[in-house]
């Protein structure tokens, strides 16, 4: 029988981390007993038992998008919310920074103006706030923000808006010998700030968009310092390229929620091994958000059509998830 895990809160974040559980415990308690859950369990059971669907342990690679797949991405990508606040703080401290294009784009825009930003402008702003900082310096700034910032609708820490069913899926996979990776269009250093505590995914298994950087020798240590400009975009067709470069194995499970994940899901399937492709469909406006083909953030259009053609698993947030988020942290417990 497959090894299973319970979910317990991290002392540092209040987020879920795995602890061993008795083998009779349901591995996916937040999933409704429907076709999506059945397909997942059937695939993992076949992958871990002798037979036609068996997958050697070293080949058990599962890749997950982050925004909209592991945590909420509306009304604006969380990293973008951080970048906006950071840019405004920096401009207030040094008005000359308005002369920087990425800062000028953001500094004075209201909510309506921000909603009209292009993907290129969003990416430029997210990268601009890291320029001149080491990874450690940037991650400390980002972590300090994550500890105090709250989502405008849910009034909860952004790090608490991870999806409980996905935490269970991650733990279920790891308990059955799968190595789990994040492969996201988000900037890699921002995601590495919380991925270990939030998802149990270590920084070396986080792949994302990167910016230019240089090596420097300082008085007491050597460091890598972020510079202006994007080095590589981990979105769309860039995802399979980065998987090949950084993992070196084709994934057998790929999980996403938008057209930016289309090529990653396609890459996880071959004529010899179909693999398991999962799309999260945001169709629950009450508990989260409802959006797909017309959304500016997390558009799901071409990938939804491909899911129908290729028999992918489409997870309805409304119908397939009993709960969306973990319980709110206990009062006075760090989030």
C-alpha atoms as a PDB file:
ATOM      1  CA  UNK A   1       0.000   0.000   0.000  1.00  0.00           C
ATOM      2  CA  UNK A   2       1.213   3.531  -0.718  1.00  0.00           C
ATOM      3  CA  UNK A   3       2.769   5.512   2.114  1.00  0.00           C
ATOM      4  CA  UNK A   4       0.588   8.441   3.182  1.00  0.00           C
ATOM      5  CA  UNK A   5       0.985  11.729   5.022  1.00  0.00           C
ATOM      6  CA  UNK A   6      -1.046  14.017   7.222  1.00  0.00           C
ATOM      7  CA  UNK A   7      -0.795  17.810   6.962  1.00  0.00           C
ATOM      8  CA  UNK A   8       0.463  19.906   9.894  1.00  0.00           C
ATOM      9  CA  UNK A   9       1.221  23.645  10.169  1.00  0.00           C
ATOM     10  CA  UNK A  10       4.797  24.895  10.021  1.00  0.00           C
ATOM     11  CA  UNK A  11       5.896  26.809  13.093  1.00  0.00           C
ATOM     12  CA  UNK A  12       7.483  29.496  10.918  1.00  0.00           C
ATOM     13  CA  UNK A  13       4.665  30.051   8.431  1.00  0.00           C
ATOM     14  CA  UNK A  14       1.526  28.316   9.639  1.00  0.00           C
ATOM     15  CA  UNK A  15       1.572  26.499   6.298  1.00  0.00           C
ATOM     16  CA  UNK A  16       1.225  22.796   5.692  1.00  0.00           C
ATOM     17  CA  UNK A  17       4.146  20.417   6.023  1.00  0.00           C
ATOM     18  CA  UNK A  18       3.998  16.617   5.812  1.00  0.00           C
ATOM     19  CA  UNK A  19       4.119  14.280   8.789  1.00  0.00           C
ATOM     20  CA  UNK A  20       3.847  10.488   8.540  1.00  0.00           C
ATOM     21  CA  UNK A  21       0.311   9.123   8.785  1.00  0.00           C
ATOM     22  CA  UNK A  22      -1.106   5.612   9.182  1.00  0.00           C
ATOM     23  CA  UNK A  23      -1.530   3.802   5.849  1.00  0.00           C
ATOM     24  CA  UNK A  24      -5.335   3.702   6.109  1.00  0.00           C
ATOM     25  CA  UNK A  25      -5.652   7.502   6.073  1.00  0.00           C
ATOM     26  CA  UNK A  26      -7.203   9.034   2.944  1.00  0.00           C
ATOM     27  CA  UNK A  27      -4.314  10.660   1.000  1.00  0.00           C
ATOM     28  CA  UNK A  28      -6.578  13.299  -0.589  1.00  0.00           C
ATOM     29  CA  UNK A  29      -9.236  14.174   2.006  1.00  0.00           C
ATOM     30  CA  UNK A  30      -9.963  17.603   0.500  1.00  0.00           C
ATOM     31  CA  UNK A  31     -10.761  16.106  -2.910  1.00  0.00           C
ATOM     32  CA  UNK A  32     -14.296  15.049  -3.784  1.00  0.00           C
ATOM     33  CA  UNK A  33     -14.643  11.413  -4.822  1.00  0.00           C
ATOM     34  CA  UNK A  34     -15.049  12.165  -8.514  1.00  0.00           C
ATOM     35  CA  UNK A  35     -13.292  11.440 -11.781  1.00  0.00           C
ATOM     36  CA  UNK A  36     -10.356  13.791 -11.153  1.00  0.00           C
ATOM     37  CA  UNK A  37      -9.451  12.217  -7.820  1.00  0.00           C
ATOM     38  CA  UNK A  38      -9.969   8.732  -9.252  1.00  0.00           C
ATOM     39  CA  UNK A  39      -7.645   9.458 -12.190  1.00  0.00           C
ATOM     40  CA  UNK A  40      -4.898  10.738  -9.899  1.00  0.00           C
ATOM     41  CA  UNK A  41      -5.027   7.789  -7.520  1.00  0.00           C
ATOM     42  CA  UNK A  42      -5.234   5.288 -10.381  1.00  0.00           C
ATOM     43  CA  UNK A  43      -2.157   6.777 -12.050  1.00  0.00           C
ATOM     44  CA  UNK A  44      -0.069   6.825  -8.873  1.00  0.00           C
ATOM     45  CA  UNK A  45      -1.164   3.318  -7.928  1.00  0.00           C
ATOM     46  CA  UNK A  46      -0.165   2.014 -11.359  1.00  0.00           C
ATOM     47  CA  UNK A  47       3.127   3.920 -11.275  1.00  0.00           C
ATOM     48  CA  UNK A  48       4.175   2.315  -7.995  1.00  0.00           C
ATOM     49  CA  UNK A  49       3.189  -1.305  -8.624  1.00  0.00           C
ATOM     50  CA  UNK A  50       4.617  -3.909 -11.005  1.00  0.00           C
ATOM     51  CA  UNK A  51       2.770  -3.831 -14.291  1.00  0.00           C
ATOM     52  CA  UNK A  52       2.238  -1.872 -17.487  1.00  0.00           C
ATOM     53  CA  UNK A  53       1.991   1.507 -15.761  1.00  0.00           C
ATOM     54  CA  UNK A  54       4.995   1.098 -13.480  1.00  0.00           C
ATOM     55  CA  UNK A  55       7.452   4.018 -13.409  1.00  0.00           C
ATOM     56  CA  UNK A  56      10.952   3.536 -11.943  1.00  0.00           C
ATOM     57  CA  UNK A  57      11.572   5.756  -8.926  1.00  0.00           C
ATOM     58  CA  UNK A  58      14.297   7.756 -10.662  1.00  0.00           C
ATOM     59  CA  UNK A  59      11.829   8.691 -13.425  1.00  0.00           C
ATOM     60  CA  UNK A  60       9.051   9.852 -11.102  1.00  0.00           C
ATOM     61  CA  UNK A  61       9.213  13.582 -11.788  1.00  0.00           C
ATOM     62  CA  UNK A  62       6.200  15.844 -11.217  1.00  0.00           C
ATOM     63  CA  UNK A  63       6.174  19.525 -12.186  1.00  0.00           C
ATOM     64  CA  UNK A  64       3.758  22.155 -10.918  1.00  0.00           C
ATOM     65  CA  UNK A  65       3.099  25.694 -12.015  1.00  0.00           C
ATOM     66  CA  UNK A  66       2.786  28.059  -9.047  1.00  0.00           C
ATOM     67  CA  UNK A  67       0.443  31.021  -9.621  1.00  0.00           C
ATOM     68  CA  UNK A  68      -3.118  29.741  -9.927  1.00  0.00           C
ATOM     69  CA  UNK A  69      -1.963  26.138  -9.521  1.00  0.00           C
ATOM     70  CA  UNK A  70      -0.546  26.032  -5.993  1.00  0.00           C
ATOM     71  CA  UNK A  71      -1.842  29.360  -4.674  1.00  0.00           C
ATOM     72  CA  UNK A  72      -4.273  32.081  -5.722  1.00  0.00           C
ATOM     73  CA  UNK A  73      -3.213  34.488  -8.479  1.00  0.00           C
ATOM     74  CA  UNK A  74      -6.114  36.951  -8.552  1.00  0.00           C
ATOM     75  CA  UNK A  75      -6.748  39.845  -8.727  1.00  0.00           C
ATOM     76  CA  UNK A  76      -3.037  40.327  -9.475  1.00  0.00           C
ATOM     77  CA  UNK A  77      -0.057  37.988  -9.268  1.00  0.00           C
ATOM     78  CA  UNK A  78       1.165  38.160  -5.677  1.00  0.00           C
ATOM     79  CA  UNK A  79       4.726  38.888  -6.713  1.00  0.00           C
ATOM     80  CA  UNK A  80       3.434  41.840  -8.717  1.00  0.00           C
ATOM     81  CA  UNK A  81       1.606  43.144  -5.652  1.00  0.00           C
ATOM     82  CA  UNK A  82       4.911  42.937  -3.781  1.00  0.00           C
ATOM     83  CA  UNK A  83       6.780  44.690  -6.605  1.00  0.00           C
ATOM     84  CA  UNK A  84       4.240  47.528  -6.728  1.00  0.00           C
ATOM     85  CA  UNK A  85       4.497  48.191  -3.010  1.00  0.00           C
ATOM     86  CA  UNK A  86       8.267  47.897  -3.091  1.00  0.00           C
ATOM     87  CA  UNK A  87       8.578  50.297  -6.039  1.00  0.00           C
ATOM     88  CA  UNK A  88       6.410  52.877  -4.331  1.00  0.00           C
ATOM     89  CA  UNK A  89       8.484  52.639  -1.165  1.00  0.00           C
ATOM     90  CA  UNK A  90      11.696  53.023  -3.141  1.00  0.00           C
ATOM     91  CA  UNK A  91      10.393  56.001  -5.129  1.00  0.00           C
ATOM     92  CA  UNK A  92       9.203  57.692  -1.951  1.00  0.00           C
ATOM     93  CA  UNK A  93      12.701  57.313  -0.498  1.00  0.00           C
ATOM     94  CA  UNK A  94      14.453  58.350  -3.716  1.00  0.00           C
ATOM     95  CA  UNK A  95      12.264  60.325  -6.200  1.00  0.00           C
ATOM     96  CA  UNK A  96      14.990  60.118  -8.857  1.00  0.00           C
ATOM     97  CA  UNK A  97      14.027  56.471  -9.343  1.00  0.00           C
ATOM     98  CA  UNK A  98      11.000  57.689 -11.292  1.00  0.00           C
ATOM     99  CA  UNK A  99      13.381  58.048 -14.202  1.00  0.00           C
ATOM    100  CA  UNK A 100      13.720  54.280 -14.413  1.00  0.00           C
ATOM    101  CA  UNK A 101      11.224  53.007 -17.025  1.00  0.00           C
ATOM    102  CA  UNK A 102      10.002  50.071 -14.941  1.00  0.00           C
ATOM    103  CA  UNK A 103       9.433  52.352 -11.945  1.00  0.00           C
ATOM    104  CA  UNK A 104       7.738  55.088 -13.959  1.00  0.00           C
ATOM    105  CA  UNK A 105       5.279  52.520 -15.286  1.00  0.00           C
ATOM    106  CA  UNK A 106       4.158  51.605 -11.776  1.00  0.00           C
ATOM    107  CA  UNK A 107       4.703  54.489  -9.371  1.00  0.00           C
ATOM    108  CA  UNK A 108       1.590  56.621  -9.948  1.00  0.00           C
ATOM    109  CA  UNK A 109      -0.926  54.153 -11.361  1.00  0.00           C
ATOM    110  CA  UNK A 110      -4.203  53.478  -9.587  1.00  0.00           C
ATOM    111  CA  UNK A 111      -5.862  50.054  -9.494  1.00  0.00           C
ATOM    112  CA  UNK A 112      -7.453  50.537 -12.913  1.00  0.00           C
ATOM    113  CA  UNK A 113      -4.137  51.539 -14.453  1.00  0.00           C
ATOM    114  CA  UNK A 114      -2.348  48.583 -12.907  1.00  0.00           C
ATOM    115  CA  UNK A 115      -4.928  46.200 -14.330  1.00  0.00           C
ATOM    116  CA  UNK A 116      -3.962  47.355 -17.826  1.00  0.00           C
ATOM    117  CA  UNK A 117      -0.270  46.512 -17.480  1.00  0.00           C
ATOM    118  CA  UNK A 118       1.135  44.154 -20.083  1.00  0.00           C
ATOM    119  CA  UNK A 119       2.929  40.925 -19.186  1.00  0.00           C
ATOM    120  CA  UNK A 120       6.194  42.569 -20.253  1.00  0.00           C
ATOM    121  CA  UNK A 121       5.604  45.543 -17.937  1.00  0.00           C
ATOM    122  CA  UNK A 122       4.699  43.231 -15.059  1.00  0.00           C
ATOM    123  CA  UNK A 123       7.852  41.177 -15.545  1.00  0.00           C
ATOM    124  CA  UNK A 124      10.045  44.290 -15.835  1.00  0.00           C
ATOM    125  CA  UNK A 125       8.686  45.677 -12.571  1.00  0.00           C
ATOM    126  CA  UNK A 126       9.121  42.371 -10.741  1.00  0.00           C
ATOM    127  CA  UNK A 127      12.755  42.198 -11.827  1.00  0.00           C
ATOM    128  CA  UNK A 128      13.548  45.874 -11.220  1.00  0.00           C
ATOM    129  CA  UNK A 129      13.078  45.670  -7.451  1.00  0.00           C
ATOM    130  CA  UNK A 130      15.816  43.061  -7.220  1.00  0.00           C
ATOM    131  CA  UNK A 131      18.553  44.980  -9.016  1.00  0.00           C
ATOM    132  CA  UNK A 132      21.703  45.462  -6.946  1.00  0.00           C
ATOM    133  CA  UNK A 133      20.666  42.930  -4.294  1.00  0.00           C
ATOM    134  CA  UNK A 134      22.072  39.530  -3.482  1.00  0.00           C
ATOM    135  CA  UNK A 135      19.610  36.641  -3.445  1.00  0.00           C
ATOM    136  CA  UNK A 136      19.770  36.578   0.344  1.00  0.00           C
ATOM    137  CA  UNK A 137      19.067  40.312   0.650  1.00  0.00           C
ATOM    138  CA  UNK A 138      16.165  40.162  -1.759  1.00  0.00           C
ATOM    139  CA  UNK A 139      14.620  37.098  -0.151  1.00  0.00           C
ATOM    140  CA  UNK A 140      14.765  38.726   3.275  1.00  0.00           C
ATOM    141  CA  UNK A 141      12.907  41.786   1.943  1.00  0.00           C
ATOM    142  CA  UNK A 142      10.343  39.566   0.234  1.00  0.00           C
ATOM    143  CA  UNK A 143       9.916  37.415   3.341  1.00  0.00           C
ATOM    144  CA  UNK A 144       9.363  40.473   5.539  1.00  0.00           C
ATOM    145  CA  UNK A 145       6.612  41.570   3.140  1.00  0.00           C
ATOM    146  CA  UNK A 146       5.001  38.146   3.040  1.00  0.00           C
ATOM    147  CA  UNK A 147       4.840  38.076   6.843  1.00  0.00           C
ATOM    148  CA  UNK A 148       2.774  41.261   7.022  1.00  0.00           C
ATOM    149  CA  UNK A 149       0.957  41.765   3.689  1.00  0.00           C
ATOM    150  CA  UNK A 150      -2.672  40.715   3.368  1.00  0.00           C
ATOM    151  CA  UNK A 151      -4.802  39.796   0.386  1.00  0.00           C
ATOM    152  CA  UNK A 152      -7.284  42.605  -0.472  1.00  0.00           C
ATOM    153  CA  UNK A 153     -10.318  40.299  -0.578  1.00  0.00           C
ATOM    154  CA  UNK A 154      -9.586  37.513   1.899  1.00  0.00           C
ATOM    155  CA  UNK A 155      -7.681  39.624   4.475  1.00  0.00           C
ATOM    156  CA  UNK A 156      -5.290  36.730   5.011  1.00  0.00           C
ATOM    157  CA  UNK A 157      -1.568  36.425   4.503  1.00  0.00           C
ATOM    158  CA  UNK A 158      -0.735  35.629   0.895  1.00  0.00           C
ATOM    159  CA  UNK A 159       1.184  32.558   2.072  1.00  0.00           C
ATOM    160  CA  UNK A 160      -2.024  31.184   3.622  1.00  0.00           C
ATOM    161  CA  UNK A 161      -3.801  31.257   0.248  1.00  0.00           C
ATOM    162  CA  UNK A 162      -2.201  28.031  -0.899  1.00  0.00           C
ATOM    163  CA  UNK A 163      -4.589  25.325  -2.051  1.00  0.00           C
ATOM    164  CA  UNK A 164      -5.174  22.635   0.543  1.00  0.00           C
ATOM    165  CA  UNK A 165      -5.991  19.929  -2.057  1.00  0.00           C
ATOM    166  CA  UNK A 166      -2.715  20.666  -3.829  1.00  0.00           C
ATOM    167  CA  UNK A 167      -0.728  20.405  -0.598  1.00  0.00           C
ATOM    168  CA  UNK A 168      -2.238  16.959  -0.165  1.00  0.00           C
ATOM    169  CA  UNK A 169      -1.378  16.032  -3.753  1.00  0.00           C
ATOM    170  CA  UNK A 170       2.234  17.157  -3.332  1.00  0.00           C
ATOM    171  CA  UNK A 171       2.602  15.078  -0.176  1.00  0.00           C
ATOM    172  CA  UNK A 172       0.890  12.079  -1.753  1.00  0.00           C
ATOM    173  CA  UNK A 173       3.305  12.197  -4.677  1.00  0.00           C
ATOM    174  CA  UNK A 174       6.400  12.526  -2.498  1.00  0.00           C
ATOM    175  CA  UNK A 175       5.221   9.685  -0.286  1.00  0.00           C
ATOM    176  CA  UNK A 176       5.161   7.524  -3.406  1.00  0.00           C
ATOM    177  CA  UNK A 177       8.643   8.343  -4.618  1.00  0.00           C
ATOM    178  CA  UNK A 178       7.922  11.314  -6.864  1.00  0.00           C
ATOM    179  CA  UNK A 179      10.229  14.304  -6.880  1.00  0.00           C
ATOM    180  CA  UNK A 180       8.178  17.495  -7.034  1.00  0.00           C
ATOM    181  CA  UNK A 181       9.280  20.692  -8.781  1.00  0.00           C
ATOM    182  CA  UNK A 182       7.859  24.149  -9.288  1.00  0.00           C
ATOM    183  CA  UNK A 183       8.164  25.362 -12.893  1.00  0.00           C
ATOM    184  CA  UNK A 184       6.630  28.821 -13.008  1.00  0.00           C
ATOM    185  CA  UNK A 185       6.729  32.110 -14.855  1.00  0.00           C
ATOM    186  CA  UNK A 186       7.261  33.816 -11.503  1.00  0.00           C
ATOM    187  CA  UNK A 187      10.704  35.163 -10.625  1.00  0.00           C
ATOM    188  CA  UNK A 188      12.694  32.334  -9.124  1.00  0.00           C
ATOM    189  CA  UNK A 189      14.155  34.102  -6.069  1.00  0.00           C
ATOM    190  CA  UNK A 190      10.729  35.307  -4.946  1.00  0.00           C
ATOM    191  CA  UNK A 191       9.306  31.792  -5.100  1.00  0.00           C
ATOM    192  CA  UNK A 192      12.285  30.344  -3.281  1.00  0.00           C
ATOM    193  CA  UNK A 193      11.470  32.630  -0.385  1.00  0.00           C
ATOM    194  CA  UNK A 194       8.442  30.551   0.614  1.00  0.00           C
ATOM    195  CA  UNK A 195       8.461  27.307  -1.415  1.00  0.00           C
ATOM    196  CA  UNK A 196      10.148  25.187   1.262  1.00  0.00           C
ATOM    197  CA  UNK A 197       7.825  26.275   4.068  1.00  0.00           C
ATOM    198  CA  UNK A 198       4.741  26.628   1.907  1.00  0.00           C
ATOM    199  CA  UNK A 199       4.934  23.480  -0.211  1.00  0.00           C
ATOM    200  CA  UNK A 200       7.805  21.377   1.087  1.00  0.00           C
ATOM    201  CA  UNK A 201       9.693  22.058  -2.151  1.00  0.00           C
ATOM    202  CA  UNK A 202      13.361  22.981  -1.595  1.00  0.00           C
ATOM    203  CA  UNK A 203      14.905  25.936  -3.467  1.00  0.00           C
ATOM    204  CA  UNK A 204      16.941  23.723  -5.800  1.00  0.00           C
ATOM    205  CA  UNK A 205      13.641  22.275  -7.101  1.00  0.00           C
ATOM    206  CA  UNK A 206      12.185  25.680  -7.951  1.00  0.00           C
ATOM    207  CA  UNK A 207      12.535  26.768 -11.586  1.00  0.00           C
ATOM    208  CA  UNK A 208      11.359  30.206 -12.673  1.00  0.00           C
ATOM    209  CA  UNK A 209      12.044  33.347 -14.609  1.00  0.00           C
ATOM    210  CA  UNK A 210      15.546  34.680 -13.948  1.00  0.00           C
ATOM    211  CA  UNK A 211      17.293  38.000 -14.384  1.00  0.00           C
ATOM    212  CA  UNK A 212      20.835  38.929 -15.203  1.00  0.00           C
ATOM    213  CA  UNK A 213      23.363  38.662 -12.382  1.00  0.00           C
ATOM    214  CA  UNK A 214      27.072  39.016 -11.708  1.00  0.00           C
ATOM    215  CA  UNK A 215      29.559  37.480  -9.320  1.00  0.00           C
ATOM    216  CA  UNK A 216      31.261  39.809  -6.824  1.00  0.00           C
ATOM    217  CA  UNK A 217      33.883  39.378  -4.131  1.00  0.00           C
ATOM    218  CA  UNK A 218      33.195  41.474  -1.061  1.00  0.00           C
ATOM    219  CA  UNK A 219      35.178  41.983   2.120  1.00  0.00           C
ATOM    220  CA  UNK A 220      33.966  38.885   3.936  1.00  0.00           C
ATOM    221  CA  UNK A 221      32.281  36.787   1.251  1.00  0.00           C
ATOM    222  CA  UNK A 222      31.560  36.158  -2.404  1.00  0.00           C
ATOM    223  CA  UNK A 223      28.057  36.919  -3.670  1.00  0.00           C
ATOM    224  CA  UNK A 224      25.864  36.869  -6.757  1.00  0.00           C
ATOM    225  CA  UNK A 225      24.178  40.227  -7.378  1.00  0.00           C
ATOM    226  CA  UNK A 226      21.087  40.792  -9.526  1.00  0.00           C
ATOM    227  CA  UNK A 227      21.467  43.190 -12.451  1.00  0.00           C
ATOM    228  CA  UNK A 228      19.004  44.826 -14.830  1.00  0.00           C
ATOM    229  CA  UNK A 229      17.342  42.797 -17.529  1.00  0.00           C
ATOM    230  CA  UNK A 230      15.793  39.373 -17.848  1.00  0.00           C
ATOM    231  CA  UNK A 231      18.025  36.363 -18.373  1.00  0.00           C
ATOM    232  CA  UNK A 232      15.335  33.831 -19.230  1.00  0.00           C
ATOM    233  CA  UNK A 233      11.520  33.684 -19.222  1.00  0.00           C
ATOM    234  CA  UNK A 234      10.081  30.516 -17.742  1.00  0.00           C
ATOM    235  CA  UNK A 235       6.669  30.611 -19.376  1.00  0.00           C
ATOM    236  CA  UNK A 236       4.964  28.942 -22.325  1.00  0.00           C
ATOM    237  CA  UNK A 237       7.538  27.135 -24.498  1.00  0.00           C
ATOM    238  CA  UNK A 238      10.258  28.279 -22.097  1.00  0.00           C
ATOM    239  CA  UNK A 239       9.015  25.813 -19.477  1.00  0.00           C
ATOM    240  CA  UNK A 240       9.954  22.597 -21.326  1.00  0.00           C
ATOM    241  CA  UNK A 241      13.308  24.159 -22.244  1.00  0.00           C
ATOM    242  CA  UNK A 242      14.065  24.921 -18.592  1.00  0.00           C
ATOM    243  CA  UNK A 243      12.856  21.495 -17.487  1.00  0.00           C
ATOM    244  CA  UNK A 244      15.287  19.894 -19.917  1.00  0.00           C
ATOM    245  CA  UNK A 245      18.117  22.181 -18.785  1.00  0.00           C
ATOM    246  CA  UNK A 246      17.585  22.061 -15.026  1.00  0.00           C
ATOM    247  CA  UNK A 247      15.955  18.696 -14.335  1.00  0.00           C
ATOM    248  CA  UNK A 248      17.319  16.633 -17.199  1.00  0.00           C
ATOM    249  CA  UNK A 249      14.316  14.318 -17.203  1.00  0.00           C
ATOM    250  CA  UNK A 250      10.951  14.548 -18.904  1.00  0.00           C
ATOM    251  CA  UNK A 251       8.225  14.817 -16.227  1.00  0.00           C
ATOM    252  CA  UNK A 252       5.559  12.133 -16.034  1.00  0.00           C
ATOM    253  CA  UNK A 253       3.120  14.408 -14.203  1.00  0.00           C
ATOM    254  CA  UNK A 254       2.508  18.061 -15.072  1.00  0.00           C
ATOM    255  CA  UNK A 255       0.032  20.329 -13.308  1.00  0.00           C
ATOM    256  CA  UNK A 256      -0.970  23.816 -14.432  1.00  0.00           C
ATOM    257  CA  UNK A 257      -3.908  26.171 -14.809  1.00  0.00           C
ATOM    258  CA  UNK A 258      -3.331  28.440 -17.797  1.00  0.00           C
ATOM    259  CA  UNK A 259      -2.173  28.736 -21.382  1.00  0.00           C
ATOM    260  CA  UNK A 260       1.282  29.511 -20.015  1.00  0.00           C
ATOM    261  CA  UNK A 261       1.420  25.864 -18.917  1.00  0.00           C
ATOM    262  CA  UNK A 262       0.281  24.361 -22.225  1.00  0.00           C
ATOM    263  CA  UNK A 263       3.699  23.357 -23.533  1.00  0.00           C
ATOM    264  CA  UNK A 264       4.793  21.984 -20.153  1.00  0.00           C
ATOM    265  CA  UNK A 265       1.804  19.646 -20.073  1.00  0.00           C
ATOM    266  CA  UNK A 266       2.394  18.629 -23.685  1.00  0.00           C
ATOM    267  CA  UNK A 267       6.039  17.875 -22.892  1.00  0.00           C
ATOM    268  CA  UNK A 268       5.036  15.437 -20.140  1.00  0.00           C
ATOM    269  CA  UNK A 269       3.377  13.106 -22.626  1.00  0.00           C
ATOM    270  CA  UNK A 270       4.999  10.833 -25.226  1.00  0.00           C
ATOM    271  CA  UNK A 271       3.663   8.013 -27.421  1.00  0.00           C
ATOM    272  CA  UNK A 272       5.450   5.543 -25.146  1.00  0.00           C
ATOM    273  CA  UNK A 273       4.108   7.020 -21.889  1.00  0.00           C
ATOM    274  CA  UNK A 274       1.113   9.310 -21.762  1.00  0.00           C
ATOM    275  CA  UNK A 275       1.823  10.521 -18.254  1.00  0.00           C
ATOM    276  CA  UNK A 276      -0.688  12.508 -16.219  1.00  0.00           C
ATOM    277  CA  UNK A 277      -1.648  16.051 -17.201  1.00  0.00           C
ATOM    278  CA  UNK A 278      -3.797  18.082 -14.800  1.00  0.00           C
ATOM    279  CA  UNK A 279      -5.409  21.482 -15.381  1.00  0.00           C
ATOM    280  CA  UNK A 280      -6.918  23.427 -12.491  1.00  0.00           C
ATOM    281  CA  UNK A 281     -10.060  25.198 -13.719  1.00  0.00           C
ATOM    282  CA  UNK A 282     -10.984  28.249 -11.673  1.00  0.00           C
ATOM    283  CA  UNK A 283     -14.780  28.105 -11.650  1.00  0.00           C
ATOM    284  CA  UNK A 284     -15.597  28.930  -8.020  1.00  0.00           C
ATOM    285  CA  UNK A 285     -16.375  32.624  -7.596  1.00  0.00           C
ATOM    286  CA  UNK A 286     -17.674  32.084  -4.066  1.00  0.00           C
ATOM    287  CA  UNK A 287     -14.685  30.411  -2.450  1.00  0.00           C
ATOM    288  CA  UNK A 288     -12.027  31.809  -4.798  1.00  0.00           C
ATOM    289  CA  UNK A 289     -12.431  33.244  -8.327  1.00  0.00           C
ATOM    290  CA  UNK A 290     -14.080  32.175 -11.588  1.00  0.00           C
ATOM    291  CA  UNK A 291     -12.142  32.885 -14.779  1.00  0.00           C
ATOM    292  CA  UNK A 292     -10.758  31.185 -17.859  1.00  0.00           C
ATOM    293  CA  UNK A 293     -10.797  32.210 -21.547  1.00  0.00           C
ATOM    294  CA  UNK A 294     -11.163  35.976 -21.159  1.00  0.00           C
ATOM    295  CA  UNK A 295      -9.018  36.555 -18.084  1.00  0.00           C
ATOM    296  CA  UNK A 296      -5.987  38.826 -18.295  1.00  0.00           C
ATOM    297  CA  UNK A 297      -4.425  37.000 -15.347  1.00  0.00           C
ATOM    298  CA  UNK A 298      -4.117  33.244 -15.752  1.00  0.00           C
ATOM    299  CA  UNK A 299      -5.995  32.939 -19.058  1.00  0.00           C
ATOM    300  CA  UNK A 300      -7.110  29.377 -19.773  1.00  0.00           C
ATOM    301  CA  UNK A 301      -8.145  29.086 -23.406  1.00  0.00           C
ATOM    302  CA  UNK A 302      -5.903  27.066 -25.730  1.00  0.00           C
ATOM    303  CA  UNK A 303      -4.894  24.700 -22.936  1.00  0.00           C
ATOM    304  CA  UNK A 304      -8.559  24.013 -22.143  1.00  0.00           C
ATOM    305  CA  UNK A 305      -9.161  23.030 -25.755  1.00  0.00           C
ATOM    306  CA  UNK A 306      -6.062  20.833 -25.723  1.00  0.00           C
ATOM    307  CA  UNK A 307      -7.265  19.153 -22.520  1.00  0.00           C
ATOM    308  CA  UNK A 308     -10.402  18.012 -24.317  1.00  0.00           C
ATOM    309  CA  UNK A 309      -8.483  16.721 -27.338  1.00  0.00           C
ATOM    310  CA  UNK A 310      -5.778  14.961 -25.320  1.00  0.00           C
ATOM    311  CA  UNK A 311      -7.869  13.579 -22.467  1.00  0.00           C
ATOM    312  CA  UNK A 312      -6.191  15.570 -19.730  1.00  0.00           C
ATOM    313  CA  UNK A 313      -7.654  15.742 -16.229  1.00  0.00           C
ATOM    314  CA  UNK A 314      -9.510  19.015 -15.756  1.00  0.00           C
ATOM    315  CA  UNK A 315     -10.067  19.739 -12.072  1.00  0.00           C
ATOM    316  CA  UNK A 316     -13.121  21.848 -11.302  1.00  0.00           C
ATOM    317  CA  UNK A 317     -12.332  23.884  -8.217  1.00  0.00           C
ATOM    318  CA  UNK A 318     -16.055  24.109  -7.518  1.00  0.00           C
ATOM    319  CA  UNK A 319     -16.927  20.450  -7.991  1.00  0.00           C
ATOM    320  CA  UNK A 320     -13.703  18.585  -7.175  1.00  0.00           C
ATOM    321  CA  UNK A 321     -12.375  20.395  -4.103  1.00  0.00           C
ATOM    322  CA  UNK A 322     -14.176  20.105  -0.778  1.00  0.00           C
ATOM    323  CA  UNK A 323     -12.135  22.995   0.587  1.00  0.00           C
ATOM    324  CA  UNK A 324      -9.892  25.507  -1.164  1.00  0.00           C
ATOM    325  CA  UNK A 325      -7.595  26.873   1.538  1.00  0.00           C
ATOM    326  CA  UNK A 326      -6.139  25.455   4.745  1.00  0.00           C
ATOM    327  CA  UNK A 327      -7.837  26.614   7.946  1.00  0.00           C
ATOM    328  CA  UNK A 328      -6.858  30.120   8.979  1.00  0.00           C
ATOM    329  CA  UNK A 329      -3.847  30.082  11.345  1.00  0.00           C
ATOM    330  CA  UNK A 330      -4.601  30.065  15.056  1.00  0.00           C
ATOM    331  CA  UNK A 331      -4.650  33.583  16.492  1.00  0.00           C
ATOM    332  CA  UNK A 332      -1.204  34.740  17.630  1.00  0.00           C
ATOM    333  CA  UNK A 333       0.453  31.939  15.637  1.00  0.00           C
ATOM    334  CA  UNK A 334       2.876  33.272  13.006  1.00  0.00           C
ATOM    335  CA  UNK A 335       1.559  33.040   9.449  1.00  0.00           C
END
